[in-house]
Amino acid sequence: MIRAYGLTKHYGGKPGKKAVDDLGFEVLPGTVTGFLGPNGAGKSTTMRMLLGLDAPTRGRATIGGREYAGHPAPLHEVGALLEARSVHPGRSAFHHLMALAHTHSIPRSRVEAVLGLAGISEVARKRVKGFSLGMGQRLGIAAALLGDPATVILDEPVNGLDPEGVLWVRNLLKSLAAEGRTVLVSSHLMSEMALTADHLIIIGRGRLLADTTVERFVRESGTGTVKVVTPEAGRLAELLAAPAVHITGDTPGVLDVRGTDAEHIGRTAAAHGIPLYELTPQNASLEQAFMDLTRDSVEYVASTGAPQPEGAAA
């Protein structure tokens, strides 16, 4: 289990910039927990503090009930991937893993096992400088699993992987959680998190925004719509009109209603004798729910309009 207690990190001296601000959460064993947030939200800084690579300005973090910094056998307790390219380019994948194994009394058989698990046995003797980004990711994951750890922390593990590799990581994370391990994984790929994660921890500007299951987060996001098919679409739209209700209808007889639920729509229609041919809740995607929650926490906001030619009228 991972626990963070009021983690805070200042940069640039006090008051300085708060990269992480009073952050507290738990990551439970037996689940894949997605760690999400916009760029600059403080995810990488938080992961570094969990692993004792950065000292918090205030607060503390524990893994398996103890602070990770100074652990006598860290690879046996936690396997982490924070930067896949942090490998000497002149070493082969095999010798990189063997060097790690020697410092933790891990047998050669385990090195060969994780090479096979990561699908890089055939290139194990090649120098890492010739590896593609995806092969580097696989090596980083192999290194994270080398000590057969109870806790796995991975930062953007599918970065650079092809579809087969993405599927491999998805199945791997699920299998690790099924074995009762604690799995924390960050990613910007919302579609992949929707398929992989059971639980979500979402931060923005260093603060906790959500700590919930994927299902509940999407369901309660408020960004879903209800599809309504009725021959009296105009009349029903007038009856449903309210400040918090947004109704669109690009197709005759079809309404997309946001801001109220299917039960209220059905009761309103029944009370006024309006027939309904379809009444279907359309849940938001994880991406839609995430974008809505973190809208005010985005570090850089790009313009959606096309640039005007020089000299064009404003």
C-alpha atoms as a PDB file:
ATOM      1  CA  MET A   1       0.000   0.000   0.000  1.00  0.00           C
ATOM      2  CA  ILE A   2       1.111   3.539  -0.795  1.00  0.00           C
ATOM      3  CA  ARG A   3       0.119   6.401   1.500  1.00  0.00           C
ATOM      4  CA  ALA A   4       0.777  10.116   1.043  1.00  0.00           C
ATOM      5  CA  TYR A   5       0.243  12.429   3.986  1.00  0.00           C
ATOM      6  CA  GLY A   6       0.002  16.134   3.166  1.00  0.00           C
ATOM      7  CA  LEU A   7       2.804  16.011   0.594  1.00  0.00           C
ATOM      8  CA  THR A   8       3.974  19.509  -0.281  1.00  0.00           C
ATOM      9  CA  LYS A   9       6.888  20.548  -2.472  1.00  0.00           C
ATOM     10  CA  HIS A  10       8.128  24.115  -2.945  1.00  0.00           C
ATOM     11  CA  TYR A  11      10.650  25.145  -5.580  1.00  0.00           C
ATOM     12  CA  GLY A  12      12.635  28.352  -5.646  1.00  0.00           C
ATOM     13  CA  GLY A  13      12.626  28.890  -1.909  1.00  0.00           C
ATOM     14  CA  LYS A  14       9.715  30.005   0.228  1.00  0.00           C
ATOM     15  CA  PRO A  15       7.154  31.016  -0.705  1.00  0.00           C
ATOM     16  CA  GLY A  16       8.351  29.804  -4.130  1.00  0.00           C
ATOM     17  CA  LYS A  17       6.308  27.712  -6.517  1.00  0.00           C
ATOM     18  CA  LYS A  18       4.189  24.922  -5.064  1.00  0.00           C
ATOM     19  CA  ALA A  19       4.626  21.949  -7.364  1.00  0.00           C
ATOM     20  CA  VAL A  20       2.654  19.772  -4.926  1.00  0.00           C
ATOM     21  CA  ASP A  21       0.282  21.266  -2.367  1.00  0.00           C
ATOM     22  CA  ASP A  22      -0.919  19.310   0.689  1.00  0.00           C
ATOM     23  CA  LEU A  23      -1.536  16.135  -1.293  1.00  0.00           C
ATOM     24  CA  GLY A  24      -2.907  13.087   0.497  1.00  0.00           C
ATOM     25  CA  PHE A  25      -4.143   9.758  -0.887  1.00  0.00           C
ATOM     26  CA  GLU A  26      -3.928   5.960  -0.588  1.00  0.00           C
ATOM     27  CA  VAL A  27      -3.137   3.411  -3.293  1.00  0.00           C
ATOM     28  CA  LEU A  28      -4.521   0.022  -2.327  1.00  0.00           C
ATOM     29  CA  PRO A  29      -3.175  -3.393  -3.300  1.00  0.00           C
ATOM     30  CA  GLY A  30      -5.118  -5.501  -5.758  1.00  0.00           C
ATOM     31  CA  THR A  31      -6.131  -2.617  -8.016  1.00  0.00           C
ATOM     32  CA  VAL A  32      -4.627  -0.652 -10.878  1.00  0.00           C
ATOM     33  CA  THR A  33      -4.696   2.991  -9.807  1.00  0.00           C
ATOM     34  CA  GLY A  34      -4.389   5.611 -12.515  1.00  0.00           C
ATOM     35  CA  PHE A  35      -2.505   8.769 -11.529  1.00  0.00           C
ATOM     36  CA  LEU A  36      -3.778  11.536 -13.799  1.00  0.00           C
ATOM     37  CA  GLY A  37      -3.367  15.251 -14.248  1.00  0.00           C
ATOM     38  CA  PRO A  38      -2.524  17.863 -16.894  1.00  0.00           C
ATOM     39  CA  ASN A  39       1.076  18.757 -17.711  1.00  0.00           C
ATOM     40  CA  GLY A  40       2.600  20.592 -14.757  1.00  0.00           C
ATOM     41  CA  ALA A  41       0.086  19.130 -12.298  1.00  0.00           C
ATOM     42  CA  GLY A  42       2.849  17.671 -10.099  1.00  0.00           C
ATOM     43  CA  LYS A  43       2.591  13.975 -10.986  1.00  0.00           C
ATOM     44  CA  SER A  44       6.290  13.368 -11.603  1.00  0.00           C
ATOM     45  CA  THR A  45       7.282  15.360  -8.514  1.00  0.00           C
ATOM     46  CA  THR A  46       4.847  13.327  -6.425  1.00  0.00           C
ATOM     47  CA  MET A  47       6.223  10.044  -7.762  1.00  0.00           C
ATOM     48  CA  ARG A  48       9.760  11.178  -7.005  1.00  0.00           C
ATOM     49  CA  MET A  49       8.751  12.006  -3.438  1.00  0.00           C
ATOM     50  CA  LEU A  50       7.087   8.611  -3.036  1.00  0.00           C
ATOM     51  CA  LEU A  51      10.395   7.011  -4.035  1.00  0.00           C
ATOM     52  CA  GLY A  52      12.576   9.249  -1.882  1.00  0.00           C
ATOM     53  CA  LEU A  53      14.224  10.865  -4.907  1.00  0.00           C
ATOM     54  CA  ASP A  54      12.912  14.300  -3.892  1.00  0.00           C
ATOM     55  CA  ALA A  55      12.486  15.387  -0.286  1.00  0.00           C
ATOM     56  CA  PRO A  56       9.095  16.949   0.462  1.00  0.00           C
ATOM     57  CA  THR A  57       9.002  20.453   1.857  1.00  0.00           C
ATOM     58  CA  ARG A  58       6.290  19.174   4.155  1.00  0.00           C
ATOM     59  CA  GLY A  59       4.412  15.904   4.655  1.00  0.00           C
ATOM     60  CA  ARG A  60       5.542  12.329   4.172  1.00  0.00           C
ATOM     61  CA  ALA A  61       4.876   9.207   2.124  1.00  0.00           C
ATOM     62  CA  THR A  62       5.071   5.511   2.945  1.00  0.00           C
ATOM     63  CA  ILE A  63       5.171   2.362   0.843  1.00  0.00           C
ATOM     64  CA  GLY A  64       4.320  -0.851   2.626  1.00  0.00           C
ATOM     65  CA  GLY A  65       4.121   1.060   5.900  1.00  0.00           C
ATOM     66  CA  ARG A  66       7.584   2.644   5.785  1.00  0.00           C
ATOM     67  CA  GLU A  67       9.302   5.514   4.047  1.00  0.00           C
ATOM     68  CA  TYR A  68      10.965   4.216   0.919  1.00  0.00           C
ATOM     69  CA  ALA A  69      14.169   6.273   1.123  1.00  0.00           C
ATOM     70  CA  GLY A  70      16.933   4.210   2.668  1.00  0.00           C
ATOM     71  CA  HIS A  71      15.180   0.857   2.180  1.00  0.00           C
ATOM     72  CA  PRO A  72      17.828  -1.899   2.370  1.00  0.00           C
ATOM     73  CA  ALA A  73      16.529  -3.791  -0.692  1.00  0.00           C
ATOM     74  CA  PRO A  74      14.483  -1.332  -2.748  1.00  0.00           C
ATOM     75  CA  LEU A  75      13.963  -3.435  -5.879  1.00  0.00           C
ATOM     76  CA  HIS A  76      12.337  -6.166  -3.804  1.00  0.00           C
ATOM     77  CA  GLU A  77       9.899  -3.672  -2.307  1.00  0.00           C
ATOM     78  CA  VAL A  78       9.139  -1.316  -5.206  1.00  0.00           C
ATOM     79  CA  GLY A  79       9.662  -1.511  -8.948  1.00  0.00           C
ATOM     80  CA  ALA A  80       9.588   1.883 -10.626  1.00  0.00           C
ATOM     81  CA  LEU A  81       9.831   3.310 -14.123  1.00  0.00           C
ATOM     82  CA  LEU A  82      10.209   7.080 -14.139  1.00  0.00           C
ATOM     83  CA  GLU A  83      12.586   7.627 -17.063  1.00  0.00           C
ATOM     84  CA  ALA A  84      13.112   4.790 -19.510  1.00  0.00           C
ATOM     85  CA  ARG A  85      16.177   6.430 -21.080  1.00  0.00           C
ATOM     86  CA  SER A  86      18.179   6.550 -17.834  1.00  0.00           C
ATOM     87  CA  VAL A  87      20.378   3.645 -18.988  1.00  0.00           C
ATOM     88  CA  HIS A  88      24.018   3.775 -20.077  1.00  0.00           C
ATOM     89  CA  PRO A  89      23.777   3.697 -23.895  1.00  0.00           C
ATOM     90  CA  GLY A  90      26.859   1.520 -24.257  1.00  0.00           C
ATOM     91  CA  ARG A  91      25.450  -1.306 -22.154  1.00  0.00           C
ATOM     92  CA  SER A  92      23.340  -4.127 -23.454  1.00  0.00           C
ATOM     93  CA  ALA A  93      19.907  -4.741 -21.969  1.00  0.00           C
ATOM     94  CA  PHE A  94      21.209  -7.946 -20.393  1.00  0.00           C
ATOM     95  CA  HIS A  95      24.185  -6.296 -18.709  1.00  0.00           C
ATOM     96  CA  HIS A  96      22.073  -3.384 -17.512  1.00  0.00           C
ATOM     97  CA  LEU A  97      19.722  -5.775 -15.741  1.00  0.00           C
ATOM     98  CA  MET A  98      22.608  -7.919 -14.458  1.00  0.00           C
ATOM     99  CA  ALA A  99      24.205  -4.852 -12.885  1.00  0.00           C
ATOM    100  CA  LEU A 100      20.958  -4.144 -11.043  1.00  0.00           C
ATOM    101  CA  ALA A 101      20.616  -7.789 -10.076  1.00  0.00           C
ATOM    102  CA  HIS A 102      24.110  -7.975  -8.551  1.00  0.00           C
ATOM    103  CA  THR A 103      23.380  -5.080  -6.192  1.00  0.00           C
ATOM    104  CA  HIS A 104      20.221  -6.768  -4.918  1.00  0.00           C
ATOM    105  CA  SER A 105      21.269 -10.463  -4.817  1.00  0.00           C
ATOM    106  CA  ILE A 106      18.889 -11.306  -7.645  1.00  0.00           C
ATOM    107  CA  PRO A 107      19.797 -14.454  -9.622  1.00  0.00           C
ATOM    108  CA  ARG A 108      20.557 -14.486 -13.347  1.00  0.00           C
ATOM    109  CA  SER A 109      17.495 -16.646 -13.921  1.00  0.00           C
ATOM    110  CA  ARG A 110      15.308 -13.728 -12.866  1.00  0.00           C
ATOM    111  CA  VAL A 111      17.066 -11.432 -15.342  1.00  0.00           C
ATOM    112  CA  GLU A 112      16.361 -13.887 -18.139  1.00  0.00           C
ATOM    113  CA  ALA A 113      12.758 -14.227 -16.957  1.00  0.00           C
ATOM    114  CA  VAL A 114      11.977 -10.492 -17.092  1.00  0.00           C
ATOM    115  CA  LEU A 115      13.706 -10.168 -20.474  1.00  0.00           C
ATOM    116  CA  GLY A 116      11.325 -12.806 -21.757  1.00  0.00           C
ATOM    117  CA  LEU A 117       8.346 -11.218 -20.014  1.00  0.00           C
ATOM    118  CA  ALA A 118       9.122  -7.887 -21.689  1.00  0.00           C
ATOM    119  CA  GLY A 119       9.608  -9.541 -25.090  1.00  0.00           C
ATOM    120  CA  ILE A 120      13.194  -8.336 -25.564  1.00  0.00           C
ATOM    121  CA  SER A 121      15.163 -11.582 -25.130  1.00  0.00           C
ATOM    122  CA  GLU A 122      16.227 -11.536 -28.782  1.00  0.00           C
ATOM    123  CA  VAL A 123      17.808  -8.075 -28.457  1.00  0.00           C
ATOM    124  CA  ALA A 124      19.122  -8.527 -24.922  1.00  0.00           C
ATOM    125  CA  ARG A 125      22.766  -8.483 -26.063  1.00  0.00           C
ATOM    126  CA  LYS A 126      22.397  -5.362 -28.198  1.00  0.00           C
ATOM    127  CA  ARG A 127      23.506  -1.968 -26.937  1.00  0.00           C
ATOM    128  CA  VAL A 128      20.726   0.159 -25.553  1.00  0.00           C
ATOM    129  CA  LYS A 129      21.747   3.155 -27.686  1.00  0.00           C
ATOM    130  CA  GLY A 130      20.261   1.328 -30.684  1.00  0.00           C
ATOM    131  CA  PHE A 131      16.916   0.720 -29.012  1.00  0.00           C
ATOM    132  CA  SER A 132      13.729   2.365 -30.223  1.00  0.00           C
ATOM    133  CA  LEU A 133      11.614   4.284 -27.722  1.00  0.00           C
ATOM    134  CA  GLY A 134       9.288   1.307 -27.357  1.00  0.00           C
ATOM    135  CA  MET A 135      12.157  -1.138 -26.742  1.00  0.00           C
ATOM    136  CA  GLY A 136      13.522   1.261 -24.138  1.00  0.00           C
ATOM    137  CA  GLN A 137      10.137   1.268 -22.421  1.00  0.00           C
ATOM    138  CA  ARG A 138      10.090  -2.525 -22.358  1.00  0.00           C
ATOM    139  CA  LEU A 139      13.563  -2.574 -20.813  1.00  0.00           C
ATOM    140  CA  GLY A 140      12.471  -0.051 -18.195  1.00  0.00           C
ATOM    141  CA  ILE A 141       9.466  -2.178 -17.282  1.00  0.00           C
ATOM    142  CA  ALA A 142      11.676  -5.273 -17.117  1.00  0.00           C
ATOM    143  CA  ALA A 143      13.969  -3.444 -14.682  1.00  0.00           C
ATOM    144  CA  ALA A 144      10.964  -2.385 -12.583  1.00  0.00           C
ATOM    145  CA  LEU A 145       9.851  -6.016 -12.260  1.00  0.00           C
ATOM    146  CA  LEU A 146      13.331  -7.430 -11.655  1.00  0.00           C
ATOM    147  CA  GLY A 147      12.985  -7.750  -7.871  1.00  0.00           C
ATOM    148  CA  ASP A 148       9.469  -9.248  -8.062  1.00  0.00           C
ATOM    149  CA  PRO A 149       8.205  -6.228  -6.089  1.00  0.00           C
ATOM    150  CA  ALA A 150       4.995  -5.912  -4.120  1.00  0.00           C
ATOM    151  CA  THR A 151       4.532  -2.352  -5.382  1.00  0.00           C
ATOM    152  CA  VAL A 152       4.901  -1.121  -8.970  1.00  0.00           C
ATOM    153  CA  ILE A 153       5.047   2.570  -9.927  1.00  0.00           C
ATOM    154  CA  LEU A 154       5.176   3.378 -13.647  1.00  0.00           C
ATOM    155  CA  ASP A 155       5.240   6.801 -15.310  1.00  0.00           C
ATOM    156  CA  GLU A 156       3.829   6.761 -18.866  1.00  0.00           C
ATOM    157  CA  PRO A 157       4.641   3.063 -19.454  1.00  0.00           C
ATOM    158  CA  VAL A 158       2.975   2.871 -22.899  1.00  0.00           C
ATOM    159  CA  ASN A 159       4.875   5.839 -24.304  1.00  0.00           C
ATOM    160  CA  GLY A 160       6.352   4.826 -27.677  1.00  0.00           C
ATOM    161  CA  LEU A 161       4.780   1.354 -27.722  1.00  0.00           C
ATOM    162  CA  ASP A 162       2.947  -0.050 -30.722  1.00  0.00           C
ATOM    163  CA  PRO A 163      -0.621  -1.421 -30.305  1.00  0.00           C
ATOM    164  CA  GLU A 164       0.694  -4.885 -29.382  1.00  0.00           C
ATOM    165  CA  GLY A 165       2.931  -3.326 -26.756  1.00  0.00           C
ATOM    166  CA  VAL A 166       0.098  -1.220 -25.344  1.00  0.00           C
ATOM    167  CA  LEU A 167      -2.064  -4.342 -25.026  1.00  0.00           C
ATOM    168  CA  TRP A 168       0.849  -6.159 -23.336  1.00  0.00           C
ATOM    169  CA  VAL A 169       1.221  -3.387 -20.734  1.00  0.00           C
ATOM    170  CA  ARG A 170      -2.536  -3.336 -20.129  1.00  0.00           C
ATOM    171  CA  ASN A 171      -2.662  -7.080 -19.495  1.00  0.00           C
ATOM    172  CA  LEU A 172       0.529  -6.947 -17.424  1.00  0.00           C
ATOM    173  CA  LEU A 173      -0.819  -4.263 -15.097  1.00  0.00           C
ATOM    174  CA  LYS A 174      -4.080  -6.122 -14.634  1.00  0.00           C
ATOM    175  CA  SER A 175      -2.237  -9.366 -13.864  1.00  0.00           C
ATOM    176  CA  LEU A 176       0.038  -7.648 -11.330  1.00  0.00           C
ATOM    177  CA  ALA A 177      -2.997  -6.225  -9.542  1.00  0.00           C
ATOM    178  CA  ALA A 178      -4.743  -9.612  -9.666  1.00  0.00           C
ATOM    179  CA  GLU A 179      -1.743 -11.049  -7.794  1.00  0.00           C
ATOM    180  CA  GLY A 180      -2.425  -8.582  -4.976  1.00  0.00           C
ATOM    181  CA  ARG A 181       0.287  -6.061  -5.801  1.00  0.00           C
ATOM    182  CA  THR A 182      -0.066  -2.302  -5.480  1.00  0.00           C
ATOM    183  CA  VAL A 183       0.021  -0.713  -8.949  1.00  0.00           C
ATOM    184  CA  LEU A 184       0.230   3.047  -9.552  1.00  0.00           C
ATOM    185  CA  VAL A 185       0.506   4.190 -13.170  1.00  0.00           C
ATOM    186  CA  SER A 186       0.433   7.649 -14.733  1.00  0.00           C
ATOM    187  CA  SER A 187      -0.622   8.233 -18.313  1.00  0.00           C
ATOM    188  CA  HIS A 188      -1.952  10.931 -20.615  1.00  0.00           C
ATOM    189  CA  LEU A 189      -3.830   8.341 -22.682  1.00  0.00           C
ATOM    190  CA  MET A 190      -7.346   8.530 -21.245  1.00  0.00           C
ATOM    191  CA  SER A 191      -8.684   5.826 -23.537  1.00  0.00           C
ATOM    192  CA  GLU A 192      -6.068   3.416 -22.211  1.00  0.00           C
ATOM    193  CA  MET A 193      -6.680   4.370 -18.588  1.00  0.00           C
ATOM    194  CA  ALA A 194     -10.392   3.719 -19.120  1.00  0.00           C
ATOM    195  CA  LEU A 195      -9.516   0.140 -20.144  1.00  0.00           C
ATOM    196  CA  THR A 196      -6.805  -0.461 -17.549  1.00  0.00           C
ATOM    197  CA  ALA A 197      -7.414   1.382 -14.294  1.00  0.00           C
ATOM    198  CA  ASP A 198      -9.857   0.450 -11.537  1.00  0.00           C
ATOM    199  CA  HIS A 199      -9.279   3.541  -9.420  1.00  0.00           C
ATOM    200  CA  LEU A 200      -8.224   7.114 -10.189  1.00  0.00           C
ATOM    201  CA  ILE A 201      -6.251   9.758  -8.369  1.00  0.00           C
ATOM    202  CA  ILE A 202      -6.468  13.034 -10.279  1.00  0.00           C
ATOM    203  CA  ILE A 203      -4.477  16.134  -9.405  1.00  0.00           C
ATOM    204  CA  GLY A 204      -4.307  19.645 -10.800  1.00  0.00           C
ATOM    205  CA  ARG A 205      -1.839  22.378  -9.877  1.00  0.00           C
ATOM    206  CA  GLY A 206      -0.456  20.073  -7.209  1.00  0.00           C
ATOM    207  CA  ARG A 207      -3.753  19.548  -5.401  1.00  0.00           C
ATOM    208  CA  LEU A 208      -6.076  16.548  -5.222  1.00  0.00           C
ATOM    209  CA  LEU A 209      -9.091  16.891  -7.521  1.00  0.00           C
ATOM    210  CA  ALA A 210     -10.557  13.385  -7.374  1.00  0.00           C
ATOM    211  CA  ASP A 211      -9.953  10.066  -5.608  1.00  0.00           C
ATOM    212  CA  THR A 212     -12.544   7.622  -6.880  1.00  0.00           C
ATOM    213  CA  THR A 213     -13.269   4.622  -9.082  1.00  0.00           C
ATOM    214  CA  VAL A 214     -13.258   5.020 -12.851  1.00  0.00           C
ATOM    215  CA  GLU A 215     -16.921   4.030 -13.065  1.00  0.00           C
ATOM    216  CA  ARG A 216     -18.061   6.510 -10.421  1.00  0.00           C
ATOM    217  CA  PHE A 217     -15.946   9.336 -11.818  1.00  0.00           C
ATOM    218  CA  VAL A 218     -17.402   8.988 -15.297  1.00  0.00           C
ATOM    219  CA  ARG A 219     -20.941   8.474 -14.007  1.00  0.00           C
ATOM    220  CA  GLU A 220     -20.874  11.518 -11.722  1.00  0.00           C
ATOM    221  CA  SER A 221     -18.951  13.803 -14.039  1.00  0.00           C
ATOM    222  CA  GLY A 222     -22.054  15.593 -15.233  1.00  0.00           C
ATOM    223  CA  THR A 223     -20.772  15.653 -18.803  1.00  0.00           C
ATOM    224  CA  GLY A 224     -22.973  12.820 -20.070  1.00  0.00           C
ATOM    225  CA  THR A 225     -26.089  13.330 -22.148  1.00  0.00           C
ATOM    226  CA  VAL A 226     -29.428  11.605 -22.638  1.00  0.00           C
ATOM    227  CA  LYS A 227     -30.523  10.757 -26.171  1.00  0.00           C
ATOM    228  CA  VAL A 228     -34.247  11.269 -26.671  1.00  0.00           C
ATOM    229  CA  VAL A 229     -36.212  10.268 -29.783  1.00  0.00           C
ATOM    230  CA  THR A 230     -39.762  11.621 -29.947  1.00  0.00           C
ATOM    231  CA  PRO A 231     -42.159  12.969 -32.615  1.00  0.00           C
ATOM    232  CA  GLU A 232     -42.732  16.015 -30.355  1.00  0.00           C
ATOM    233  CA  ALA A 233     -39.121  17.056 -29.860  1.00  0.00           C
ATOM    234  CA  GLY A 234     -39.822  20.790 -29.938  1.00  0.00           C
ATOM    235  CA  ARG A 235     -42.557  20.616 -27.303  1.00  0.00           C
ATOM    236  CA  LEU A 236     -40.494  18.380 -25.013  1.00  0.00           C
ATOM    237  CA  ALA A 237     -37.494  20.680 -25.331  1.00  0.00           C
ATOM    238  CA  GLU A 238     -39.653  23.604 -24.166  1.00  0.00           C
ATOM    239  CA  LEU A 239     -40.871  21.626 -21.152  1.00  0.00           C
ATOM    240  CA  LEU A 240     -37.332  20.591 -20.166  1.00  0.00           C
ATOM    241  CA  ALA A 241     -35.866  24.070 -20.547  1.00  0.00           C
ATOM    242  CA  ALA A 242     -34.043  25.215 -17.409  1.00  0.00           C
ATOM    243  CA  PRO A 243     -30.912  27.267 -16.628  1.00  0.00           C
ATOM    244  CA  ALA A 244     -28.770  24.165 -16.026  1.00  0.00           C
ATOM    245  CA  VAL A 245     -30.200  22.111 -18.905  1.00  0.00           C
ATOM    246  CA  HIS A 246     -28.576  22.234 -22.343  1.00  0.00           C
ATOM    247  CA  ILE A 247     -30.497  20.728 -25.247  1.00  0.00           C
ATOM    248  CA  THR A 248     -29.278  20.227 -28.807  1.00  0.00           C
ATOM    249  CA  GLY A 249     -31.014  18.602 -31.767  1.00  0.00           C
ATOM    250  CA  ASP A 250     -29.279  18.333 -35.107  1.00  0.00           C
ATOM    251  CA  THR A 251     -31.595  15.583 -36.363  1.00  0.00           C
ATOM    252  CA  PRO A 252     -35.398  15.971 -36.586  1.00  0.00           C
ATOM    253  CA  GLY A 253     -37.080  14.165 -33.708  1.00  0.00           C
ATOM    254  CA  VAL A 254     -33.828  13.605 -31.808  1.00  0.00           C
ATOM    255  CA  LEU A 255     -32.659  15.550 -28.752  1.00  0.00           C
ATOM    256  CA  ASP A 256     -29.395  15.368 -26.852  1.00  0.00           C
ATOM    257  CA  VAL A 257     -30.092  16.582 -23.336  1.00  0.00           C
ATOM    258  CA  ARG A 258     -27.374  17.544 -20.863  1.00  0.00           C
ATOM    259  CA  GLY A 259     -27.935  18.645 -17.281  1.00  0.00           C
ATOM    260  CA  THR A 260     -30.772  16.335 -16.251  1.00  0.00           C
ATOM    261  CA  ASP A 261     -31.309  12.576 -16.085  1.00  0.00           C
ATOM    262  CA  ALA A 262     -33.396  10.092 -18.054  1.00  0.00           C
ATOM    263  CA  GLU A 263     -35.846   9.630 -15.165  1.00  0.00           C
ATOM    264  CA  HIS A 264     -36.798  13.316 -15.121  1.00  0.00           C
ATOM    265  CA  ILE A 265     -37.116  13.402 -18.906  1.00  0.00           C
ATOM    266  CA  GLY A 266     -39.340  10.302 -18.902  1.00  0.00           C
ATOM    267  CA  ARG A 267     -41.617  11.649 -16.170  1.00  0.00           C
ATOM    268  CA  THR A 268     -41.939  15.014 -17.909  1.00  0.00           C
ATOM    269  CA  ALA A 269     -42.874  13.337 -21.180  1.00  0.00           C
ATOM    270  CA  ALA A 270     -45.390  11.021 -19.486  1.00  0.00           C
ATOM    271  CA  ALA A 271     -47.022  13.871 -17.564  1.00  0.00           C
ATOM    272  CA  HIS A 272     -47.689  15.713 -20.824  1.00  0.00           C
ATOM    273  CA  GLY A 273     -48.610  12.733 -22.989  1.00  0.00           C
ATOM    274  CA  ILE A 274     -45.517  12.933 -25.170  1.00  0.00           C
ATOM    275  CA  PRO A 275     -44.531   9.576 -26.713  1.00  0.00           C
ATOM    276  CA  LEU A 276     -40.893   8.515 -26.458  1.00  0.00           C
ATOM    277  CA  TYR A 277     -39.358   6.138 -28.985  1.00  0.00           C
ATOM    278  CA  GLU A 278     -35.953   6.158 -27.299  1.00  0.00           C
ATOM    279  CA  LEU A 279     -34.566   7.365 -23.968  1.00  0.00           C
ATOM    280  CA  THR A 280     -30.903   6.395 -23.649  1.00  0.00           C
ATOM    281  CA  PRO A 281     -28.332   7.787 -21.188  1.00  0.00           C
ATOM    282  CA  GLN A 282     -25.019   8.443 -22.943  1.00  0.00           C
ATOM    283  CA  ASN A 283     -22.242   8.339 -20.360  1.00  0.00           C
ATOM    284  CA  ALA A 284     -19.292  10.642 -20.842  1.00  0.00           C
ATOM    285  CA  SER A 285     -15.957   9.141 -21.793  1.00  0.00           C
ATOM    286  CA  LEU A 286     -13.149   9.236 -19.262  1.00  0.00           C
ATOM    287  CA  GLU A 287     -11.438  11.793 -21.490  1.00  0.00           C
ATOM    288  CA  GLN A 288     -14.482  14.085 -21.466  1.00  0.00           C
ATOM    289  CA  ALA A 289     -14.857  13.781 -17.694  1.00  0.00           C
ATOM    290  CA  PHE A 290     -11.149  14.422 -17.144  1.00  0.00           C
ATOM    291  CA  MET A 291     -11.099  17.471 -19.402  1.00  0.00           C
ATOM    292  CA  ASP A 292     -14.118  18.923 -17.633  1.00  0.00           C
ATOM    293  CA  LEU A 293     -12.620  18.406 -14.163  1.00  0.00           C
ATOM    294  CA  THR A 294      -9.162  19.758 -15.001  1.00  0.00           C
ATOM    295  CA  ARG A 295     -10.238  22.644 -17.241  1.00  0.00           C
ATOM    296  CA  ASP A 296      -9.082  25.252 -14.725  1.00  0.00           C
ATOM    297  CA  SER A 297      -5.849  23.398 -13.931  1.00  0.00           C
ATOM    298  CA  VAL A 298      -4.327  23.309 -17.409  1.00  0.00           C
ATOM    299  CA  GLU A 299      -0.953  25.028 -17.480  1.00  0.00           C
ATOM    300  CA  TYR A 300      -1.076  26.106 -21.142  1.00  0.00           C
ATOM    301  CA  VAL A 301      -4.272  26.663 -23.098  1.00  0.00           C
ATOM    302  CA  ALA A 302      -3.985  26.623 -26.884  1.00  0.00           C
ATOM    303  CA  SER A 303      -6.203  28.712 -29.099  1.00  0.00           C
ATOM    304  CA  THR A 304      -8.765  26.706 -31.067  1.00  0.00           C
ATOM    305  CA  GLY A 305      -9.144  29.316 -33.799  1.00  0.00           C
ATOM    306  CA  ALA A 306      -7.149  29.312 -36.999  1.00  0.00           C
ATOM    307  CA  PRO A 307      -4.444  32.012 -37.135  1.00  0.00           C
ATOM    308  CA  GLN A 308      -5.430  34.983 -39.221  1.00  0.00           C
ATOM    309  CA  PRO A 309      -3.186  36.168 -42.076  1.00  0.00           C
ATOM    310  CA  GLU A 310      -0.942  39.071 -41.237  1.00  0.00           C
ATOM    311  CA  GLY A 311      -2.766  42.319 -41.702  1.00  0.00           C
ATOM    312  CA  ALA A 312      -6.225  40.754 -41.471  1.00  0.00           C
ATOM    313  CA  ALA A 313      -8.872  42.740 -39.663  1.00  0.00           C
ATOM    314  CA  ALA A 314      -9.400  41.793 -36.043  1.00  0.00           C
END
